[in-house]
Amino acid sequence: MLNSRKSLLLLAASAALALSTAAQARQWLLPSETMFTGSGNEWLTVDAANSTDLYYYDHPGQPWDAVITAPDGSTVPVENRMVGKLRQVFDVPIAQGGTYKISITNDQMFGSYMLNGEKKMLPRGTTPATLAAAIPAGATEVQTAEANNRIETFVTAGEPTTSVFTSGGKGIEMIPVTHPNDLAVDEEATFQFLLDGKPAADLEVVAIPGGIRYRADLKQISAKTDAEGKVRFTWPEAGMYWVSVSIGGRRGEGAGGPPPATPPQPEAPERRASYSMTVEVQG
């Protein structure tokens, strides 16, 4: 009996590992809490990681630089930052009343060019500032596009405020209709998403509660933005949720069948952008 149980456990572990390997990695910021009293001498601890299982550490840590925007618009320096093998951790002093934004942004360029009859790809990590230097003299058929990645979370001391929710006009951004620190079970919340400063219509947004490591059902909620870029969720249970939306990505390999008689012309790389945030839903 014991051997049979061990075999079943091994099979379950193998299946879980296979599913975990096939699943996508998710980038997230996880605050130690999202609501503070506003006494002026409180501290926030934030975990930052890239993982398959939400809010568990199973991928190499990233050297991200977080930006903390205080309710008055000033930038608060992070303290006690540590970048480990699987995650990054830092502390934030909560001295002002109102809502803080914790964000990580990454703007890169990708694409290709021809040089001496050979197709070359832009080096990984090329940014708008280093693009000119990344393309060698004599390169032709240069094809480039921008990729913007934004990861955020929000915490509030005392009463929620909205001063940190401004658009920079680049990538995907979230402007709340419902404050992200005022979410409750069975109540509808509305968020507006912008792409390069304009309402992003017809984008699929997903919300997934944490803890997927210990359940078979992902419990993903999916919705699409309307013409104004707005999307609505009703939360079925309390906890931390990962909300994400993206555009672009790798192109598919096609539907199969014989190759076309005339090879297709090279396509310009498509615009890419992603946004994710962690929000807490109260019971």
C-alpha atoms as a PDB file:
ATOM      1  CA  MET A   1       0.000   0.000   0.000  1.00  0.00           C
ATOM      2  CA  LEU A   2       2.819   2.343   0.949  1.00  0.00           C
ATOM      3  CA  ASN A   3       4.689   1.621  -2.286  1.00  0.00           C
ATOM      4  CA  SER A   4       1.536   2.289  -4.334  1.00  0.00           C
ATOM      5  CA  ARG A   5       1.049   5.620  -2.600  1.00  0.00           C
ATOM      6  CA  LYS A   6       4.666   6.566  -3.247  1.00  0.00           C
ATOM      7  CA  SER A   7       4.218   5.703  -6.933  1.00  0.00           C
ATOM      8  CA  LEU A   8       1.124   7.882  -7.153  1.00  0.00           C
ATOM      9  CA  LEU A   9       2.943  10.750  -5.478  1.00  0.00           C
ATOM     10  CA  LEU A  10       5.858  10.397  -7.898  1.00  0.00           C
ATOM     11  CA  LEU A  11       3.482  10.394 -10.872  1.00  0.00           C
ATOM     12  CA  ALA A  12       1.685  13.477  -9.555  1.00  0.00           C
ATOM     13  CA  ALA A  13       4.985  15.253  -8.984  1.00  0.00           C
ATOM     14  CA  SER A  14       6.156  14.392 -12.517  1.00  0.00           C
ATOM     15  CA  ALA A  15       2.906  15.685 -14.019  1.00  0.00           C
ATOM     16  CA  ALA A  16       3.102  18.874 -11.977  1.00  0.00           C
ATOM     17  CA  LEU A  17       6.684  19.414 -13.095  1.00  0.00           C
ATOM     18  CA  ALA A  18       5.723  18.932 -16.750  1.00  0.00           C
ATOM     19  CA  LEU A  19       2.843  21.398 -16.435  1.00  0.00           C
ATOM     20  CA  SER A  20       5.056  23.880 -14.595  1.00  0.00           C
ATOM     21  CA  THR A  21       7.712  23.697 -17.296  1.00  0.00           C
ATOM     22  CA  ALA A  22       5.156  24.287 -20.042  1.00  0.00           C
ATOM     23  CA  ALA A  23       3.480  27.183 -18.224  1.00  0.00           C
ATOM     24  CA  GLN A  24       4.515  30.748 -18.782  1.00  0.00           C
ATOM     25  CA  ALA A  25       6.676  32.697 -16.387  1.00  0.00           C
ATOM     26  CA  ARG A  26       4.972  35.642 -14.719  1.00  0.00           C
ATOM     27  CA  GLN A  27       6.655  38.806 -13.448  1.00  0.00           C
ATOM     28  CA  TRP A  28       5.314  40.295 -10.237  1.00  0.00           C
ATOM     29  CA  LEU A  29       5.740  42.597  -7.277  1.00  0.00           C
ATOM     30  CA  LEU A  30       4.287  41.331  -3.998  1.00  0.00           C
ATOM     31  CA  PRO A  31       3.790  43.848  -1.158  1.00  0.00           C
ATOM     32  CA  SER A  32       3.859  42.645   2.452  1.00  0.00           C
ATOM     33  CA  GLU A  33       0.557  44.505   2.880  1.00  0.00           C
ATOM     34  CA  THR A  34      -1.438  47.077   0.929  1.00  0.00           C
ATOM     35  CA  MET A  35      -3.192  49.112   3.628  1.00  0.00           C
ATOM     36  CA  PHE A  36      -1.408  51.080   6.365  1.00  0.00           C
ATOM     37  CA  THR A  37      -2.811  53.164   9.207  1.00  0.00           C
ATOM     38  CA  GLY A  38      -0.912  56.291   8.131  1.00  0.00           C
ATOM     39  CA  SER A  39       0.894  56.804  11.428  1.00  0.00           C
ATOM     40  CA  GLY A  40       3.959  58.088   9.539  1.00  0.00           C
ATOM     41  CA  ASN A  41       6.490  55.533  10.780  1.00  0.00           C
ATOM     42  CA  GLU A  42       5.448  52.324   8.993  1.00  0.00           C
ATOM     43  CA  TRP A  43       7.420  50.078   6.639  1.00  0.00           C
ATOM     44  CA  LEU A  44       6.567  48.138   3.504  1.00  0.00           C
ATOM     45  CA  THR A  45       8.542  45.109   2.303  1.00  0.00           C
ATOM     46  CA  VAL A  46       8.256  44.099  -1.361  1.00  0.00           C
ATOM     47  CA  ASP A  47       9.266  40.872  -3.109  1.00  0.00           C
ATOM     48  CA  ALA A  48      10.016  41.059  -6.841  1.00  0.00           C
ATOM     49  CA  ALA A  49      10.336  37.902  -8.908  1.00  0.00           C
ATOM     50  CA  ASN A  50       9.745  36.106 -12.181  1.00  0.00           C
ATOM     51  CA  SER A  51       8.103  32.728 -11.636  1.00  0.00           C
ATOM     52  CA  THR A  52       5.787  30.066 -13.004  1.00  0.00           C
ATOM     53  CA  ASP A  53       3.787  29.646  -9.797  1.00  0.00           C
ATOM     54  CA  LEU A  54       2.424  32.997  -8.678  1.00  0.00           C
ATOM     55  CA  TYR A  55       4.161  34.415  -5.618  1.00  0.00           C
ATOM     56  CA  TYR A  56       6.591  31.510  -5.304  1.00  0.00           C
ATOM     57  CA  TYR A  57      10.246  31.783  -6.282  1.00  0.00           C
ATOM     58  CA  ASP A  58      11.242  29.360  -9.031  1.00  0.00           C
ATOM     59  CA  HIS A  59      13.160  31.437 -11.616  1.00  0.00           C
ATOM     60  CA  PRO A  60      16.483  33.315 -11.460  1.00  0.00           C
ATOM     61  CA  GLY A  61      16.277  36.692  -9.717  1.00  0.00           C
ATOM     62  CA  GLN A  62      16.242  39.835 -11.841  1.00  0.00           C
ATOM     63  CA  PRO A  63      18.327  43.005 -11.250  1.00  0.00           C
ATOM     64  CA  TRP A  64      15.286  45.240 -11.650  1.00  0.00           C
ATOM     65  CA  ASP A  65      15.342  48.811 -10.385  1.00  0.00           C
ATOM     66  CA  ALA A  66      12.085  49.700  -8.659  1.00  0.00           C
ATOM     67  CA  VAL A  67      10.759  53.254  -8.602  1.00  0.00           C
ATOM     68  CA  ILE A  68       8.645  54.307  -5.623  1.00  0.00           C
ATOM     69  CA  THR A  69       6.312  57.243  -6.222  1.00  0.00           C
ATOM     70  CA  ALA A  70       4.945  58.858  -3.057  1.00  0.00           C
ATOM     71  CA  PRO A  71       1.478  60.466  -2.828  1.00  0.00           C
ATOM     72  CA  ASP A  72       3.000  63.939  -3.314  1.00  0.00           C
ATOM     73  CA  GLY A  73       4.748  62.841  -6.528  1.00  0.00           C
ATOM     74  CA  SER A  74       8.227  62.621  -5.051  1.00  0.00           C
ATOM     75  CA  THR A  75      10.452  59.572  -5.492  1.00  0.00           C
ATOM     76  CA  VAL A  76      11.196  57.537  -2.388  1.00  0.00           C
ATOM     77  CA  PRO A  77      14.507  55.617  -2.426  1.00  0.00           C
ATOM     78  CA  VAL A  78      14.287  51.906  -1.665  1.00  0.00           C
ATOM     79  CA  GLU A  79      16.140  50.641   1.388  1.00  0.00           C
ATOM     80  CA  ASN A  80      17.780  47.326   2.327  1.00  0.00           C
ATOM     81  CA  ARG A  81      17.699  46.076  -1.265  1.00  0.00           C
ATOM     82  CA  MET A  82      18.843  42.501  -1.772  1.00  0.00           C
ATOM     83  CA  VAL A  83      19.036  40.625  -5.076  1.00  0.00           C
ATOM     84  CA  GLY A  84      19.200  36.895  -4.451  1.00  0.00           C
ATOM     85  CA  LYS A  85      19.276  33.869  -6.686  1.00  0.00           C
ATOM     86  CA  LEU A  86      15.492  33.619  -6.992  1.00  0.00           C
ATOM     87  CA  ARG A  87      14.068  36.994  -5.962  1.00  0.00           C
ATOM     88  CA  GLN A  88      14.703  40.618  -5.087  1.00  0.00           C
ATOM     89  CA  VAL A  89      13.569  42.135  -1.775  1.00  0.00           C
ATOM     90  CA  PHE A  90      13.498  45.767  -0.672  1.00  0.00           C
ATOM     91  CA  ASP A  91      11.927  47.993   1.976  1.00  0.00           C
ATOM     92  CA  VAL A  92       9.999  51.251   1.569  1.00  0.00           C
ATOM     93  CA  PRO A  93       9.358  53.772   4.376  1.00  0.00           C
ATOM     94  CA  ILE A  94       5.684  54.784   4.508  1.00  0.00           C
ATOM     95  CA  ALA A  95       5.836  58.321   5.891  1.00  0.00           C
ATOM     96  CA  GLN A  96       3.087  60.142   3.972  1.00  0.00           C
ATOM     97  CA  GLY A  97      -0.639  59.630   3.935  1.00  0.00           C
ATOM     98  CA  GLY A  98      -2.170  58.510   0.628  1.00  0.00           C
ATOM     99  CA  THR A  99      -1.400  56.044  -2.159  1.00  0.00           C
ATOM    100  CA  TYR A 100       2.092  54.948  -3.218  1.00  0.00           C
ATOM    101  CA  LYS A 101       2.998  53.377  -6.566  1.00  0.00           C
ATOM    102  CA  ILE A 102       5.775  50.777  -6.753  1.00  0.00           C
ATOM    103  CA  SER A 103       6.795  50.145 -10.342  1.00  0.00           C
ATOM    104  CA  ILE A 104       9.434  48.469 -12.485  1.00  0.00           C
ATOM    105  CA  THR A 105       9.696  49.441 -16.154  1.00  0.00           C
ATOM    106  CA  ASN A 106      11.851  48.046 -18.909  1.00  0.00           C
ATOM    107  CA  ASP A 107      12.018  49.608 -22.391  1.00  0.00           C
ATOM    108  CA  GLN A 108      13.920  47.673 -25.055  1.00  0.00           C
ATOM    109  CA  MET A 109      14.306  47.488 -28.818  1.00  0.00           C
ATOM    110  CA  PHE A 110      14.271  44.303 -30.888  1.00  0.00           C
ATOM    111  CA  GLY A 111      14.508  43.553 -34.583  1.00  0.00           C
ATOM    112  CA  SER A 112      16.983  42.625 -37.290  1.00  0.00           C
ATOM    113  CA  TYR A 113      19.169  43.903 -40.125  1.00  0.00           C
ATOM    114  CA  MET A 114      21.131  42.545 -43.083  1.00  0.00           C
ATOM    115  CA  LEU A 115      24.915  42.756 -43.128  1.00  0.00           C
ATOM    116  CA  ASN A 116      27.114  41.212 -45.846  1.00  0.00           C
ATOM    117  CA  GLY A 117      24.202  39.107 -47.068  1.00  0.00           C
ATOM    118  CA  GLU A 118      23.466  37.672 -43.617  1.00  0.00           C
ATOM    119  CA  LYS A 119      20.524  38.423 -41.364  1.00  0.00           C
ATOM    120  CA  LYS A 120      21.519  39.594 -37.887  1.00  0.00           C
ATOM    121  CA  MET A 121      19.367  40.147 -34.822  1.00  0.00           C
ATOM    122  CA  LEU A 122      19.695  43.130 -32.518  1.00  0.00           C
ATOM    123  CA  PRO A 123      21.635  42.203 -29.367  1.00  0.00           C
ATOM    124  CA  ARG A 124      19.529  41.311 -26.346  1.00  0.00           C
ATOM    125  CA  GLY A 125      19.154  44.276 -24.030  1.00  0.00           C
ATOM    126  CA  THR A 126      19.235  46.943 -26.751  1.00  0.00           C
ATOM    127  CA  THR A 127      17.411  50.058 -25.563  1.00  0.00           C
ATOM    128  CA  PRO A 128      16.196  53.151 -27.423  1.00  0.00           C
ATOM    129  CA  ALA A 129      19.316  54.943 -26.141  1.00  0.00           C
ATOM    130  CA  THR A 130      21.716  52.256 -27.432  1.00  0.00           C
ATOM    131  CA  LEU A 131      19.910  51.420 -30.685  1.00  0.00           C
ATOM    132  CA  ALA A 132      22.119  53.531 -32.963  1.00  0.00           C
ATOM    133  CA  ALA A 133      25.295  51.946 -31.573  1.00  0.00           C
ATOM    134  CA  ALA A 134      23.825  48.433 -31.920  1.00  0.00           C
ATOM    135  CA  ILE A 135      23.390  48.740 -35.710  1.00  0.00           C
ATOM    136  CA  PRO A 136      26.771  48.506 -37.494  1.00  0.00           C
ATOM    137  CA  ALA A 137      27.778  50.662 -40.419  1.00  0.00           C
ATOM    138  CA  GLY A 138      26.711  49.181 -43.746  1.00  0.00           C
ATOM    139  CA  ALA A 139      23.627  47.450 -42.328  1.00  0.00           C
ATOM    140  CA  THR A 140      20.573  47.388 -44.606  1.00  0.00           C
ATOM    141  CA  GLU A 141      16.929  46.305 -44.313  1.00  0.00           C
ATOM    142  CA  VAL A 142      16.845  47.450 -40.700  1.00  0.00           C
ATOM    143  CA  GLN A 143      13.596  46.399 -38.977  1.00  0.00           C
ATOM    144  CA  THR A 144      13.016  47.463 -35.377  1.00  0.00           C
ATOM    145  CA  ALA A 145      10.199  47.777 -32.876  1.00  0.00           C
ATOM    146  CA  GLU A 146       9.922  48.749 -29.244  1.00  0.00           C
ATOM    147  CA  ALA A 147       8.996  46.515 -26.321  1.00  0.00           C
ATOM    148  CA  ASN A 148       7.762  48.090 -23.084  1.00  0.00           C
ATOM    149  CA  ASN A 149       7.291  46.089 -19.907  1.00  0.00           C
ATOM    150  CA  ARG A 150       5.709  47.506 -16.746  1.00  0.00           C
ATOM    151  CA  ILE A 151       5.163  45.787 -13.365  1.00  0.00           C
ATOM    152  CA  GLU A 152       3.309  47.592 -10.581  1.00  0.00           C
ATOM    153  CA  THR A 153       1.644  47.364  -7.206  1.00  0.00           C
ATOM    154  CA  PHE A 154       0.050  49.970  -4.953  1.00  0.00           C
ATOM    155  CA  VAL A 155      -0.247  50.562  -1.218  1.00  0.00           C
ATOM    156  CA  THR A 156      -2.182  53.172   0.732  1.00  0.00           C
ATOM    157  CA  ALA A 157      -1.571  54.826   4.095  1.00  0.00           C
ATOM    158  CA  GLY A 158      -4.822  56.159   5.550  1.00  0.00           C
ATOM    159  CA  GLU A 159      -7.232  57.383   2.885  1.00  0.00           C
ATOM    160  CA  PRO A 160      -6.666  56.385  -0.796  1.00  0.00           C
ATOM    161  CA  THR A 161      -5.511  59.113  -3.193  1.00  0.00           C
ATOM    162  CA  THR A 162      -5.135  59.172  -6.993  1.00  0.00           C
ATOM    163  CA  SER A 163      -2.192  61.522  -7.628  1.00  0.00           C
ATOM    164  CA  VAL A 164       0.183  58.668  -8.617  1.00  0.00           C
ATOM    165  CA  PHE A 165      -2.083  57.498 -11.440  1.00  0.00           C
ATOM    166  CA  THR A 166      -0.771  59.569 -14.340  1.00  0.00           C
ATOM    167  CA  SER A 167       0.072  58.496 -17.869  1.00  0.00           C
ATOM    168  CA  GLY A 168       3.577  58.775 -19.253  1.00  0.00           C
ATOM    169  CA  GLY A 169       2.334  58.001 -22.768  1.00  0.00           C
ATOM    170  CA  LYS A 170       4.515  54.918 -23.314  1.00  0.00           C
ATOM    171  CA  GLY A 171       3.568  51.247 -23.240  1.00  0.00           C
ATOM    172  CA  ILE A 172       0.549  49.851 -21.415  1.00  0.00           C
ATOM    173  CA  GLU A 173      -0.563  51.784 -18.344  1.00  0.00           C
ATOM    174  CA  MET A 174      -3.416  51.361 -15.870  1.00  0.00           C
ATOM    175  CA  ILE A 175      -5.618  54.281 -14.820  1.00  0.00           C
ATOM    176  CA  PRO A 176      -8.112  53.117 -12.166  1.00  0.00           C
ATOM    177  CA  VAL A 177     -11.794  53.849 -12.130  1.00  0.00           C
ATOM    178  CA  THR A 178     -11.984  51.725  -8.989  1.00  0.00           C
ATOM    179  CA  HIS A 179      -9.021  52.375  -6.698  1.00  0.00           C
ATOM    180  CA  PRO A 180      -6.754  49.277  -6.605  1.00  0.00           C
ATOM    181  CA  ASN A 181      -6.591  49.501  -2.786  1.00  0.00           C
ATOM    182  CA  ASP A 182     -10.390  49.481  -2.480  1.00  0.00           C
ATOM    183  CA  LEU A 183     -11.294  46.018  -3.786  1.00  0.00           C
ATOM    184  CA  ALA A 184     -13.675  43.596  -2.091  1.00  0.00           C
ATOM    185  CA  VAL A 185     -15.177  40.161  -2.712  1.00  0.00           C
ATOM    186  CA  ASP A 186     -18.335  40.159  -4.875  1.00  0.00           C
ATOM    187  CA  GLU A 187     -17.882  43.835  -5.760  1.00  0.00           C
ATOM    188  CA  GLU A 188     -17.211  44.982  -9.330  1.00  0.00           C
ATOM    189  CA  ALA A 189     -13.969  46.834 -10.048  1.00  0.00           C
ATOM    190  CA  THR A 190     -13.193  48.828 -13.191  1.00  0.00           C
ATOM    191  CA  PHE A 191      -9.725  49.596 -14.560  1.00  0.00           C
ATOM    192  CA  GLN A 192      -8.824  51.543 -17.694  1.00  0.00           C
ATOM    193  CA  PHE A 193      -5.818  50.531 -19.783  1.00  0.00           C
ATOM    194  CA  LEU A 194      -3.934  52.870 -22.090  1.00  0.00           C
ATOM    195  CA  LEU A 195      -1.502  52.018 -24.880  1.00  0.00           C
ATOM    196  CA  ASP A 196       0.976  54.807 -25.593  1.00  0.00           C
ATOM    197  CA  GLY A 197      -1.354  57.223 -23.834  1.00  0.00           C
ATOM    198  CA  LYS A 198      -4.551  56.267 -25.681  1.00  0.00           C
ATOM    199  CA  PRO A 199      -7.409  53.956 -24.638  1.00  0.00           C
ATOM    200  CA  ALA A 200      -6.483  50.351 -25.495  1.00  0.00           C
ATOM    201  CA  ALA A 201      -9.604  48.654 -26.858  1.00  0.00           C
ATOM    202  CA  ASP A 202     -10.234  44.930 -27.320  1.00  0.00           C
ATOM    203  CA  LEU A 203      -7.334  43.682 -25.204  1.00  0.00           C
ATOM    204  CA  GLU A 204      -7.685  40.537 -23.118  1.00  0.00           C
ATOM    205  CA  VAL A 205      -6.955  41.125 -19.444  1.00  0.00           C
ATOM    206  CA  VAL A 206      -6.543  38.218 -17.033  1.00  0.00           C
ATOM    207  CA  ALA A 207      -6.749  38.100 -13.248  1.00  0.00           C
ATOM    208  CA  ILE A 208      -5.349  35.091 -11.379  1.00  0.00           C
ATOM    209  CA  PRO A 209      -5.377  34.624  -7.590  1.00  0.00           C
ATOM    210  CA  GLY A 210      -2.130  33.564  -5.955  1.00  0.00           C
ATOM    211  CA  GLY A 211      -1.549  30.089  -4.581  1.00  0.00           C
ATOM    212  CA  ILE A 212      -1.729  28.201  -7.886  1.00  0.00           C
ATOM    213  CA  ARG A 213       1.070  25.945  -6.656  1.00  0.00           C
ATOM    214  CA  TYR A 214      -1.447  24.135  -4.465  1.00  0.00           C
ATOM    215  CA  ARG A 215      -4.446  23.775  -6.730  1.00  0.00           C
ATOM    216  CA  ALA A 216      -5.241  22.183 -10.072  1.00  0.00           C
ATOM    217  CA  ASP A 217      -7.619  24.955 -11.161  1.00  0.00           C
ATOM    218  CA  LEU A 218      -5.869  28.173 -12.226  1.00  0.00           C
ATOM    219  CA  LYS A 219      -9.059  30.148 -11.364  1.00  0.00           C
ATOM    220  CA  GLN A 220      -8.234  32.632 -14.102  1.00  0.00           C
ATOM    221  CA  ILE A 221     -10.759  35.374 -14.808  1.00  0.00           C
ATOM    222  CA  SER A 222     -10.636  36.824 -18.324  1.00  0.00           C
ATOM    223  CA  ALA A 223     -12.240  39.955 -19.711  1.00  0.00           C
ATOM    224  CA  LYS A 224     -11.744  42.293 -22.666  1.00  0.00           C
ATOM    225  CA  THR A 225     -11.322  46.034 -22.627  1.00  0.00           C
ATOM    226  CA  ASP A 226     -14.134  48.061 -24.213  1.00  0.00           C
ATOM    227  CA  ALA A 227     -13.805  50.982 -26.641  1.00  0.00           C
ATOM    228  CA  GLU A 228     -12.594  53.197 -23.783  1.00  0.00           C
ATOM    229  CA  GLY A 229      -9.980  50.681 -22.687  1.00  0.00           C
ATOM    230  CA  LYS A 230     -12.011  49.793 -19.601  1.00  0.00           C
ATOM    231  CA  VAL A 231     -12.336  46.312 -18.157  1.00  0.00           C
ATOM    232  CA  ARG A 232     -14.459  45.041 -15.264  1.00  0.00           C
ATOM    233  CA  PHE A 233     -13.858  42.265 -12.773  1.00  0.00           C
ATOM    234  CA  THR A 234     -15.963  40.873  -9.936  1.00  0.00           C
ATOM    235  CA  TRP A 235     -13.750  39.127  -7.393  1.00  0.00           C
ATOM    236  CA  PRO A 236     -14.937  35.655  -6.285  1.00  0.00           C
ATOM    237  CA  GLU A 237     -12.635  35.337  -3.262  1.00  0.00           C
ATOM    238  CA  ALA A 238     -10.220  37.316  -1.101  1.00  0.00           C
ATOM    239  CA  GLY A 239      -6.458  37.353  -1.577  1.00  0.00           C
ATOM    240  CA  MET A 240      -3.684  38.690  -3.780  1.00  0.00           C
ATOM    241  CA  TYR A 241      -4.436  38.748  -7.516  1.00  0.00           C
ATOM    242  CA  TRP A 242      -2.082  39.067 -10.477  1.00  0.00           C
ATOM    243  CA  VAL A 243      -3.703  41.183 -13.216  1.00  0.00           C
ATOM    244  CA  SER A 244      -2.000  41.155 -16.604  1.00  0.00           C
ATOM    245  CA  VAL A 245      -2.429  42.352 -20.194  1.00  0.00           C
ATOM    246  CA  SER A 246      -0.077  42.327 -23.182  1.00  0.00           C
ATOM    247  CA  ILE A 247       0.189  42.922 -26.911  1.00  0.00           C
ATOM    248  CA  GLY A 248       2.546  41.452 -29.485  1.00  0.00           C
ATOM    249  CA  GLY A 249       4.836  38.527 -28.856  1.00  0.00           C
ATOM    250  CA  ARG A 250       6.172  35.724 -30.960  1.00  0.00           C
ATOM    251  CA  ARG A 251       4.390  35.013 -34.182  1.00  0.00           C
ATOM    252  CA  GLY A 252       2.830  31.582 -34.711  1.00  0.00           C
ATOM    253  CA  GLU A 253       4.335  28.982 -36.985  1.00  0.00           C
ATOM    254  CA  GLY A 254       1.313  28.893 -39.267  1.00  0.00           C
ATOM    255  CA  ALA A 255      -1.431  26.363 -39.877  1.00  0.00           C
ATOM    256  CA  GLY A 256       0.698  23.836 -41.730  1.00  0.00           C
ATOM    257  CA  GLY A 257       0.382  22.651 -45.330  1.00  0.00           C
ATOM    258  CA  PRO A 258       2.768  23.084 -48.275  1.00  0.00           C
ATOM    259  CA  PRO A 259       5.013  26.154 -48.412  1.00  0.00           C
ATOM    260  CA  PRO A 260       3.853  29.035 -50.625  1.00  0.00           C
ATOM    261  CA  ALA A 261       5.151  29.181 -54.205  1.00  0.00           C
ATOM    262  CA  THR A 262       6.644  32.628 -53.523  1.00  0.00           C
ATOM    263  CA  PRO A 263       8.463  33.065 -50.203  1.00  0.00           C
ATOM    264  CA  PRO A 264       6.812  35.754 -48.074  1.00  0.00           C
ATOM    265  CA  GLN A 265       8.549  39.084 -47.672  1.00  0.00           C
ATOM    266  CA  PRO A 266      10.137  39.767 -44.265  1.00  0.00           C
ATOM    267  CA  GLU A 267       7.609  41.284 -41.906  1.00  0.00           C
ATOM    268  CA  ALA A 268       8.395  44.238 -39.712  1.00  0.00           C
ATOM    269  CA  PRO A 269       8.537  43.198 -36.056  1.00  0.00           C
ATOM    270  CA  GLU A 270       5.318  43.879 -34.200  1.00  0.00           C
ATOM    271  CA  ARG A 271       4.947  46.287 -31.324  1.00  0.00           C
ATOM    272  CA  ARG A 272       5.176  44.608 -27.952  1.00  0.00           C
ATOM    273  CA  ALA A 273       4.060  45.785 -24.549  1.00  0.00           C
ATOM    274  CA  SER A 274       3.036  44.133 -21.300  1.00  0.00           C
ATOM    275  CA  TYR A 275       1.604  45.238 -17.994  1.00  0.00           C
ATOM    276  CA  SER A 276       1.027  43.393 -14.750  1.00  0.00           C
ATOM    277  CA  MET A 277       0.003  44.442 -11.275  1.00  0.00           C
ATOM    278  CA  THR A 278      -0.651  42.779  -7.938  1.00  0.00           C
ATOM    279  CA  VAL A 279      -3.793  43.872  -6.097  1.00  0.00           C
ATOM    280  CA  GLU A 280      -5.296  42.698  -2.829  1.00  0.00           C
ATOM    281  CA  VAL A 281      -8.982  41.827  -2.574  1.00  0.00           C
ATOM    282  CA  GLN A 282     -10.473  42.078   0.897  1.00  0.00           C
ATOM    283  CA  GLY A 283     -12.981  39.558   2.193  1.00  0.00           C
END
